Amino acid sequence: MQRHEAPSFIRVLSVALAMVAMVSGCHDNAPENGPSADTPISNDVPPGVDTAPDSNPFVDLSSPDGGDADVKPPTDVVTLDVSDVGGDTSGGCDRAGCPCSANSDCLDGLCIEGLDGSVCTQTCIAECPAGSDCLLSTAFGTDPISICVPQHTRLCRPCRSDAECKSGNDPFPAYCIPGDAPGDGSFCASSCAARGCPDGYSCEDVGLAAGGTARQCMPTTGQCECRDSWKDFGFSTDCSVVNAFGSCEGDRSCGADGLTSCQGPQASPEVCDLEDNDCNGEVDDIAAVPCPITNGVGTCQGVTVCGSTPGAPICDGREASVELCNGIDDNCNSITDEASCDDGLTCTTDTCVSSGNCQSTLLQNFCLVGGACWSGFQ
């Protein structure tokens, strides 16, 4: 029996030594941990994301790549797919690409902004699945780690400012770009200076409101559309409803049926109702139409205006009055200061020579004696 045991022991020992040599070779050829020095760093935190590191048996956030010498990560390969993710985490999905509301929802303790809401992601060394970038982030602790960040997460989202287009974990610039027509509104573009655009978008030089241009992804159809999931987030943009009477402010938003048309009031002719009907920023500024103002002295011309209360326009202007020597056509007969001077004497001609200055001239063959008219003098 002992002659048969020796060969068996030698075979077992040989297999054990071969396994030790294989493990040693794997450690010798392992890549260095950490991203390159050229990897962009984003220190921003996306809204609504829990940035406190959660306990995780597979990720050590004190190490740049999340590795741990004592705990082995899962051996299966996780694919980051954020193209069709909802907001329900009740199913217990905790791998990369699954929806999340906090870091604790994710296997790797990493919950970030995705295309359709927050999603779980994973650490990386240099590469990530298509549609995401391997970037350094300090959103999960004081030490930066490399994580897979989905690209173009806010592309074509309705917006009102550039700040609404900037994703917290994505360091690439994004801008809120207005459409060609007033009723289009504005939508988020996304940088393509160092990466490609998704299907249905082209990389274009876009003019910026502050001046200059930027390389941004723009829809090839010229019109953005809402993603199905965006109806739950209230994304909206300002627009204008334009017609022959004026331009009124409106709103476009992501609803149950997609992107709405520009919703807002229609401009109409101005009337006296204490409203800005034609959307020009002025209330009750109706057109000034000539109108008559008549009394016992004469008729003067006024113009239509709105009164202090809603209703029909009123005629605004001055009323006719007795003519005075004042340089004004007081009685509105198109003659100024006529018959405005009268000294009460029948033997004088009274003339208004200047404002407030009357001049009396004796008629021929008359004279004044004691303030009375006398005739017959040659």
Protein backbone atom coordinates (compact mmCIF):
# COMPACT_ATOMS: atom_id res chain seq x y z
CA MET A 1 0.00 0.00 0.00
CA GLN A 2 2.81 2.49 0.81
CA ARG A 3 4.28 2.11 -2.70
CA HIS A 4 1.01 3.40 -4.15
CA GLU A 5 0.64 6.44 -1.80
CA ALA A 6 3.88 8.27 -2.82
CA PRO A 7 2.87 9.05 -6.43
CA SER A 8 -0.56 10.33 -5.27
CA PHE A 9 1.05 12.71 -2.74
CA ILE A 10 3.46 14.02 -5.37
CA ARG A 11 0.59 14.72 -7.79
CA VAL A 12 -1.36 16.71 -5.16
CA LEU A 13 1.76 18.70 -4.21
CA SER A 14 2.44 19.52 -7.87
CA VAL A 15 -1.10 20.84 -8.42
CA ALA A 16 -0.85 23.00 -5.27
CA LEU A 17 2.46 24.54 -6.40
CA ALA A 18 1.05 25.28 -9.85
CA MET A 19 -1.92 27.14 -8.33
CA VAL A 20 0.41 29.24 -6.14
CA ALA A 21 2.44 30.16 -9.22
CA MET A 22 -0.71 31.24 -11.13
CA VAL A 23 -1.93 33.45 -8.27
CA SER A 24 1.52 35.06 -7.95
CA GLY A 25 1.58 35.77 -11.71
CA CYS A 26 -1.82 37.44 -11.56
CA HIS A 27 -0.68 39.85 -8.84
CA ASP A 28 2.51 40.70 -10.75
CA ASN A 29 0.51 41.71 -13.87
CA ALA A 30 -2.30 43.60 -12.11
CA PRO A 31 -2.83 47.17 -13.40
CA GLU A 32 -2.05 50.09 -11.15
CA ASN A 33 -5.00 51.48 -9.27
CA GLY A 34 -6.44 54.95 -9.90
CA PRO A 35 -7.25 57.09 -12.91
CA SER A 36 -4.76 59.07 -14.90
CA ALA A 37 -3.82 62.61 -13.91
CA ASP A 38 -5.63 63.90 -16.99
CA THR A 39 -9.06 62.64 -15.87
CA PRO A 40 -11.44 65.62 -15.33
CA ILE A 41 -12.55 66.20 -11.73
CA SER A 42 -16.12 67.14 -10.84
CA ASN A 43 -16.76 68.37 -7.31
CA ASP A 44 -20.45 69.13 -7.86
CA VAL A 45 -23.18 67.08 -6.23
CA PRO A 46 -26.35 66.42 -8.26
CA PRO A 47 -29.59 67.59 -6.61
CA GLY A 48 -31.39 65.07 -4.45
CA VAL A 49 -28.46 62.64 -4.16
CA ASP A 50 -27.33 61.40 -0.76
CA THR A 51 -23.59 62.12 -0.74
CA ALA A 52 -22.75 60.42 2.55
CA PRO A 53 -20.75 57.20 1.90
CA ASP A 54 -22.72 54.11 2.86
CA SER A 55 -21.32 50.91 4.21
CA ASN A 56 -20.47 48.60 1.32
CA PRO A 57 -18.74 45.20 1.51
CA PHE A 58 -17.22 45.64 -1.98
CA VAL A 59 -16.05 49.29 -2.10
CA ASP A 60 -13.47 51.03 0.06
CA LEU A 61 -14.01 54.76 -0.65
CA SER A 62 -10.64 55.60 0.91
CA SER A 63 -8.99 54.10 -2.16
CA PRO A 64 -9.18 55.97 -5.50
CA ASP A 65 -10.61 53.01 -7.38
CA GLY A 66 -12.75 51.66 -4.58
CA GLY A 67 -10.71 48.45 -4.18
CA ASP A 68 -9.99 46.59 -0.94
CA ALA A 69 -7.06 44.25 -0.36
CA ASP A 70 -9.03 42.04 2.00
CA VAL A 71 -12.44 41.93 0.35
CA LYS A 72 -12.79 40.68 -3.22
CA PRO A 73 -15.37 42.45 -5.50
CA PRO A 74 -17.98 40.36 -7.28
CA THR A 75 -16.49 38.38 -10.14
CA ASP A 76 -19.39 39.00 -12.53
CA VAL A 77 -19.20 41.95 -14.93
CA VAL A 78 -21.85 44.66 -14.37
CA THR A 79 -23.08 46.57 -17.41
CA LEU A 80 -24.20 50.16 -16.75
CA ASP A 81 -27.45 50.55 -18.69
CA VAL A 82 -29.30 53.80 -17.97
CA SER A 83 -31.29 54.00 -21.19
CA ASP A 84 -34.53 52.56 -19.80
CA VAL A 85 -34.63 52.99 -16.04
CA GLY A 86 -37.72 53.91 -14.08
CA GLY A 87 -38.04 55.31 -10.59
CA ASP A 88 -39.25 52.20 -8.72
CA THR A 89 -36.71 50.59 -6.41
CA SER A 90 -39.20 48.23 -4.76
CA GLY A 91 -37.91 45.30 -6.78
CA GLY A 92 -34.61 45.32 -4.88
CA CYS A 93 -32.39 46.09 -7.89
CA ASP A 94 -29.11 47.49 -6.55
CA ARG A 95 -26.61 47.00 -9.39
CA ALA A 96 -25.26 49.65 -11.78
CA GLY A 97 -28.07 51.11 -13.89
CA CYS A 98 -30.81 50.40 -11.34
CA PRO A 99 -32.93 53.32 -10.10
CA CYS A 100 -32.11 54.69 -6.67
CA SER A 101 -33.00 57.49 -4.28
CA ALA A 102 -29.99 57.24 -1.92
CA ASN A 103 -26.50 55.73 -1.89
CA SER A 104 -27.76 52.98 0.42
CA ASP A 105 -30.00 51.69 -2.40
CA CYS A 106 -26.93 50.68 -4.44
CA LEU A 107 -24.62 47.69 -4.11
CA ASP A 108 -21.55 49.94 -4.50
CA GLY A 109 -23.04 52.79 -2.45
CA LEU A 110 -23.00 55.11 -5.49
CA CYS A 111 -26.28 56.82 -6.51
CA ILE A 112 -25.92 59.52 -9.22
CA GLU A 113 -28.00 61.36 -11.80
CA GLY A 114 -29.02 59.36 -14.88
CA LEU A 115 -31.13 60.05 -17.96
CA ASP A 116 -34.42 59.18 -16.26
CA GLY A 117 -33.67 60.00 -12.64
CA SER A 118 -31.05 58.82 -10.16
CA VAL A 119 -29.36 55.47 -10.87
CA CYS A 120 -26.76 53.26 -9.26
CA THR A 121 -23.29 53.36 -10.79
CA GLN A 122 -19.95 51.60 -10.28
CA THR A 123 -16.30 52.41 -9.79
CA CYS A 124 -13.93 52.28 -12.73
CA ILE A 125 -10.22 52.36 -13.57
CA ALA A 126 -10.10 53.74 -17.11
CA GLU A 127 -13.11 52.53 -19.07
CA CYS A 128 -16.87 52.40 -18.63
CA PRO A 129 -19.72 50.94 -20.67
CA ALA A 130 -20.84 52.87 -23.75
CA GLY A 131 -22.74 56.02 -22.89
CA SER A 132 -20.76 56.85 -19.76
CA ASP A 133 -17.37 58.35 -18.84
CA CYS A 134 -14.88 57.25 -16.19
CA LEU A 135 -14.44 60.43 -14.12
CA LEU A 136 -13.05 61.40 -10.74
CA SER A 137 -15.63 62.46 -8.16
CA THR A 138 -15.49 63.75 -4.58
CA ALA A 139 -19.26 63.54 -4.16
CA PHE A 140 -18.99 60.40 -2.04
CA GLY A 141 -16.32 61.36 0.46
CA THR A 142 -13.25 63.52 0.98
CA ASP A 143 -11.06 61.29 -1.20
CA PRO A 144 -11.79 61.28 -4.94
CA ILE A 145 -12.85 58.03 -6.57
CA SER A 146 -13.29 57.10 -10.20
CA ILE A 147 -16.89 56.30 -11.14
CA CYS A 148 -18.86 55.75 -14.33
CA VAL A 149 -20.89 58.89 -15.06
CA PRO A 150 -23.70 58.73 -17.67
CA GLN A 151 -23.21 61.15 -20.58
CA HIS A 152 -25.62 63.88 -21.74
CA THR A 153 -28.10 63.28 -18.89
CA ARG A 154 -29.90 66.61 -19.41
CA LEU A 155 -29.71 66.79 -23.19
CA CYS A 156 -32.90 68.32 -24.67
CA ARG A 157 -34.41 68.96 -21.23
CA PRO A 158 -36.60 72.13 -21.20
CA CYS A 159 -34.76 74.92 -19.37
CA ARG A 160 -34.67 78.59 -18.43
CA SER A 161 -30.98 79.03 -17.57
CA ASP A 162 -27.58 77.41 -18.16
CA ALA A 163 -27.51 76.29 -14.52
CA GLU A 164 -30.44 73.93 -15.19
CA CYS A 165 -28.39 72.12 -17.84
CA LYS A 166 -25.27 71.41 -15.72
CA SER A 167 -25.20 67.93 -14.19
CA GLY A 168 -23.42 67.68 -10.83
CA ASN A 169 -21.10 64.77 -11.66
CA ASP A 170 -20.45 65.78 -15.30
CA PRO A 171 -17.67 68.43 -15.63
CA PHE A 172 -18.34 69.12 -19.33
CA PRO A 173 -20.09 72.45 -20.12
CA ALA A 174 -23.76 72.49 -21.08
CA TYR A 175 -25.92 75.45 -22.10
CA CYS A 176 -29.60 76.41 -22.30
CA ILE A 177 -30.15 77.19 -26.00
CA PRO A 178 -33.26 79.02 -27.31
CA GLY A 179 -35.14 77.64 -30.29
CA ASP A 180 -35.48 79.37 -33.65
CA ALA A 181 -39.07 80.58 -33.14
CA PRO A 182 -40.50 82.51 -30.14
CA GLY A 183 -42.92 79.66 -29.43
CA ASP A 184 -40.16 77.02 -29.26
CA GLY A 185 -38.75 77.78 -25.81
CA SER A 186 -35.22 76.81 -24.71
CA PHE A 187 -33.61 73.40 -24.21
CA CYS A 188 -30.40 71.98 -22.77
CA ALA A 189 -27.55 71.18 -25.12
CA SER A 190 -24.55 69.06 -24.07
CA SER A 191 -20.83 69.25 -24.79
CA CYS A 192 -19.40 67.27 -27.69
CA ALA A 193 -15.96 68.91 -27.66
CA ALA A 194 -14.32 65.76 -26.24
CA ARG A 195 -16.97 63.08 -26.82
CA GLY A 196 -19.59 62.06 -29.34
CA CYS A 197 -23.30 62.77 -29.45
CA PRO A 198 -26.08 60.19 -29.03
CA ASP A 199 -28.06 58.93 -32.03
CA GLY A 200 -30.36 61.62 -33.39
CA TYR A 201 -28.00 64.46 -32.46
CA SER A 202 -25.18 66.24 -34.27
CA CYS A 203 -22.21 68.18 -32.90
CA GLU A 204 -22.58 71.86 -33.82
CA ASP A 205 -21.03 75.23 -33.03
CA VAL A 206 -23.71 77.00 -31.00
CA GLY A 207 -23.81 80.72 -30.30
CA LEU A 208 -23.97 81.62 -26.60
CA ALA A 209 -25.93 84.43 -24.96
CA ALA A 210 -22.76 85.72 -23.27
CA GLY A 211 -20.89 85.73 -26.58
CA GLY A 212 -18.70 83.21 -28.38
CA THR A 213 -19.60 79.67 -29.41
CA ALA A 214 -19.41 76.17 -27.95
CA ARG A 215 -19.45 72.68 -29.43
CA GLN A 216 -22.77 71.20 -28.35
CA CYS A 217 -25.00 68.25 -29.24
CA MET A 218 -28.17 69.45 -31.00
CA PRO A 219 -31.15 67.42 -32.30
CA THR A 220 -30.86 66.68 -36.02
CA THR A 221 -34.60 67.36 -36.44
CA GLY A 222 -34.16 70.85 -34.98
CA GLN A 223 -36.75 70.09 -32.29
CA CYS A 224 -36.26 68.59 -28.82
CA GLU A 225 -38.72 66.10 -27.38
CA CYS A 226 -39.37 65.04 -23.78
CA ARG A 227 -38.33 61.61 -22.52
CA ASP A 228 -41.24 59.56 -21.15
CA SER A 229 -39.91 59.77 -17.59
CA TRP A 230 -39.69 63.58 -17.61
CA LYS A 231 -43.45 64.04 -17.21
CA ASP A 232 -42.99 63.29 -13.50
CA PHE A 233 -40.29 65.93 -12.92
CA GLY A 234 -42.06 69.12 -14.01
CA PHE A 235 -39.41 70.28 -16.49
CA SER A 236 -40.58 73.41 -18.35
CA THR A 237 -39.37 76.38 -20.38
CA ASP A 238 -40.55 79.91 -21.20
CA CYS A 239 -41.96 80.64 -24.67
CA SER A 240 -44.03 83.30 -26.44
CA VAL A 241 -47.54 83.12 -27.95
CA VAL A 242 -47.45 85.53 -30.90
CA ASN A 243 -50.27 86.86 -33.07
CA ALA A 244 -51.18 90.06 -34.92
CA PHE A 245 -52.02 91.91 -31.70
CA GLY A 246 -48.87 91.17 -29.70
CA SER A 247 -46.66 88.62 -27.98
CA CYS A 248 -47.66 87.06 -24.65
CA GLU A 249 -45.48 84.97 -22.33
CA GLY A 250 -46.21 81.26 -22.25
CA ASP A 251 -44.88 77.95 -20.96
CA ARG A 252 -43.94 74.57 -22.47
CA SER A 253 -43.53 71.52 -20.28
CA CYS A 254 -43.10 67.75 -20.34
CA GLY A 255 -46.55 66.23 -19.86
CA ALA A 256 -48.25 62.88 -20.18
CA ASP A 257 -48.38 63.26 -23.97
CA GLY A 258 -44.84 64.59 -24.34
CA LEU A 259 -43.76 68.18 -24.91
CA THR A 260 -46.71 70.56 -24.85
CA SER A 261 -47.20 73.44 -27.26
CA CYS A 262 -46.62 76.95 -25.96
CA GLN A 263 -49.40 77.49 -23.43
CA GLY A 264 -50.30 81.10 -22.63
CA PRO A 265 -52.78 83.92 -23.23
CA GLN A 266 -53.53 85.20 -26.72
CA ALA A 267 -52.92 88.91 -27.29
CA SER A 268 -56.06 90.90 -28.15
CA PRO A 269 -56.94 94.56 -28.81
CA GLU A 270 -56.65 96.67 -25.67
CA VAL A 271 -59.93 97.50 -23.90
CA CYS A 272 -60.76 99.29 -20.66
CA ASP A 273 -60.77 96.34 -18.24
CA LEU A 274 -57.71 96.98 -16.05
CA GLU A 275 -55.86 94.22 -17.97
CA ASP A 276 -52.87 94.20 -20.32
CA ASN A 277 -54.78 92.67 -23.23
CA ASP A 278 -52.08 93.09 -25.89
CA CYS A 279 -49.22 91.97 -23.59
CA ASN A 280 -47.10 95.10 -24.12
CA GLY A 281 -46.53 95.70 -20.42
CA GLU A 282 -49.09 98.53 -20.19
CA VAL A 283 -52.62 98.30 -18.75
CA ASP A 284 -55.58 99.91 -20.59
CA ASP A 285 -53.39 101.84 -23.04
CA ILE A 286 -56.06 102.01 -25.75
CA ALA A 287 -55.50 103.90 -29.00
CA ALA A 288 -56.11 107.64 -28.70
CA VAL A 289 -59.06 108.41 -31.03
CA PRO A 290 -60.23 112.05 -31.49
CA CYS A 291 -63.57 112.85 -29.80
CA PRO A 292 -65.64 116.08 -29.19
CA ILE A 293 -66.20 117.82 -25.83
CA THR A 294 -69.11 120.28 -26.16
CA ASN A 295 -70.64 122.83 -23.77
CA GLY A 296 -72.48 126.17 -23.98
CA VAL A 297 -69.37 128.10 -25.04
CA GLY A 298 -68.10 125.85 -27.81
CA THR A 299 -66.70 122.48 -28.81
CA CYS A 300 -63.14 121.39 -28.08
CA GLN A 301 -61.48 118.20 -29.31
CA GLY A 302 -60.25 115.48 -26.95
CA VAL A 303 -59.00 111.88 -27.29
CA THR A 304 -60.35 108.58 -25.98
CA VAL A 305 -58.73 107.10 -22.87
CA CYS A 306 -59.66 104.54 -20.23
CA GLY A 307 -61.12 105.83 -16.98
CA SER A 308 -60.20 104.75 -13.48
CA THR A 309 -62.81 101.96 -13.54
CA PRO A 310 -63.52 99.29 -16.17
CA GLY A 311 -65.99 100.25 -18.87
CA ALA A 312 -66.30 102.27 -22.05
CA PRO A 313 -63.54 104.75 -22.95
CA ILE A 314 -64.02 108.38 -21.98
CA CYS A 315 -63.18 111.53 -23.97
CA ASP A 316 -60.29 113.28 -22.29
CA GLY A 317 -59.55 116.96 -23.01
CA ARG A 318 -60.43 120.54 -22.00
CA GLU A 319 -63.80 122.25 -22.27
CA ALA A 320 -64.43 125.50 -24.14
CA SER A 321 -64.39 128.71 -22.04
CA VAL A 322 -64.79 132.47 -22.54
CA GLU A 323 -61.92 133.88 -24.57
CA LEU A 324 -59.25 135.70 -22.57
CA CYS A 325 -56.19 137.70 -23.56
CA ASN A 326 -53.81 134.87 -22.78
CA GLY A 327 -52.48 133.54 -26.07
CA ILE A 328 -54.88 130.54 -25.96
CA ASP A 329 -57.88 129.69 -28.09
CA ASP A 330 -60.10 129.38 -25.02
CA ASN A 331 -63.39 128.88 -26.85
CA CYS A 332 -61.91 126.41 -29.37
CA ASN A 333 -63.01 128.37 -32.48
CA SER A 334 -59.51 128.22 -34.01
CA ILE A 335 -58.95 131.99 -33.33
CA THR A 336 -56.73 133.07 -30.50
CA ASP A 337 -57.59 135.98 -28.14
CA GLU A 338 -60.32 137.45 -30.33
CA ALA A 339 -62.79 139.69 -28.41
CA SER A 340 -60.81 139.02 -25.29
CA CYS A 341 -60.30 142.73 -24.45
CA ASP A 342 -63.22 145.10 -23.68
CA ASP A 343 -62.87 148.38 -21.77
CA GLY A 344 -66.63 148.98 -21.90
CA LEU A 345 -66.36 152.03 -24.17
CA THR A 346 -68.07 152.20 -27.54
CA CYS A 347 -65.54 154.64 -28.93
CA THR A 348 -62.53 152.41 -28.67
CA THR A 349 -61.17 149.38 -30.46
CA ASP A 350 -59.80 146.88 -27.96
CA THR A 351 -56.94 144.54 -28.99
CA CYS A 352 -54.96 141.86 -27.17
CA VAL A 353 -51.40 142.74 -28.13
CA SER A 354 -49.71 140.19 -25.84
CA SER A 355 -50.68 137.73 -23.17
CA GLY A 356 -52.54 139.68 -20.53
CA ASN A 357 -51.96 143.04 -22.27
CA CYS A 358 -54.95 144.76 -23.86
CA GLN A 359 -54.66 147.92 -25.93
CA SER A 360 -57.60 150.36 -26.59
CA THR A 361 -57.61 152.73 -29.62
CA LEU A 362 -60.06 155.65 -30.03
CA LEU A 363 -62.24 155.61 -33.08
CA GLN A 364 -61.97 158.51 -35.52
CA ASN A 365 -63.85 161.69 -34.49
CA PHE A 366 -64.17 160.50 -30.90
CA CYS A 367 -62.49 161.60 -27.74
CA LEU A 368 -62.63 160.69 -24.11
CA VAL A 369 -63.69 163.29 -21.61
CA GLY A 370 -63.81 162.17 -18.02
CA GLY A 371 -63.83 158.56 -19.14
CA ALA A 372 -66.79 159.10 -21.44
CA CYS A 373 -66.94 159.04 -25.22
CA TRP A 374 -67.57 162.31 -27.04
CA SER A 375 -68.08 162.53 -30.78
CA GLY A 376 -68.13 165.27 -33.35
CA PHE A 377 -64.55 166.33 -32.90
CA GLN A 378 -62.46 166.90 -35.98
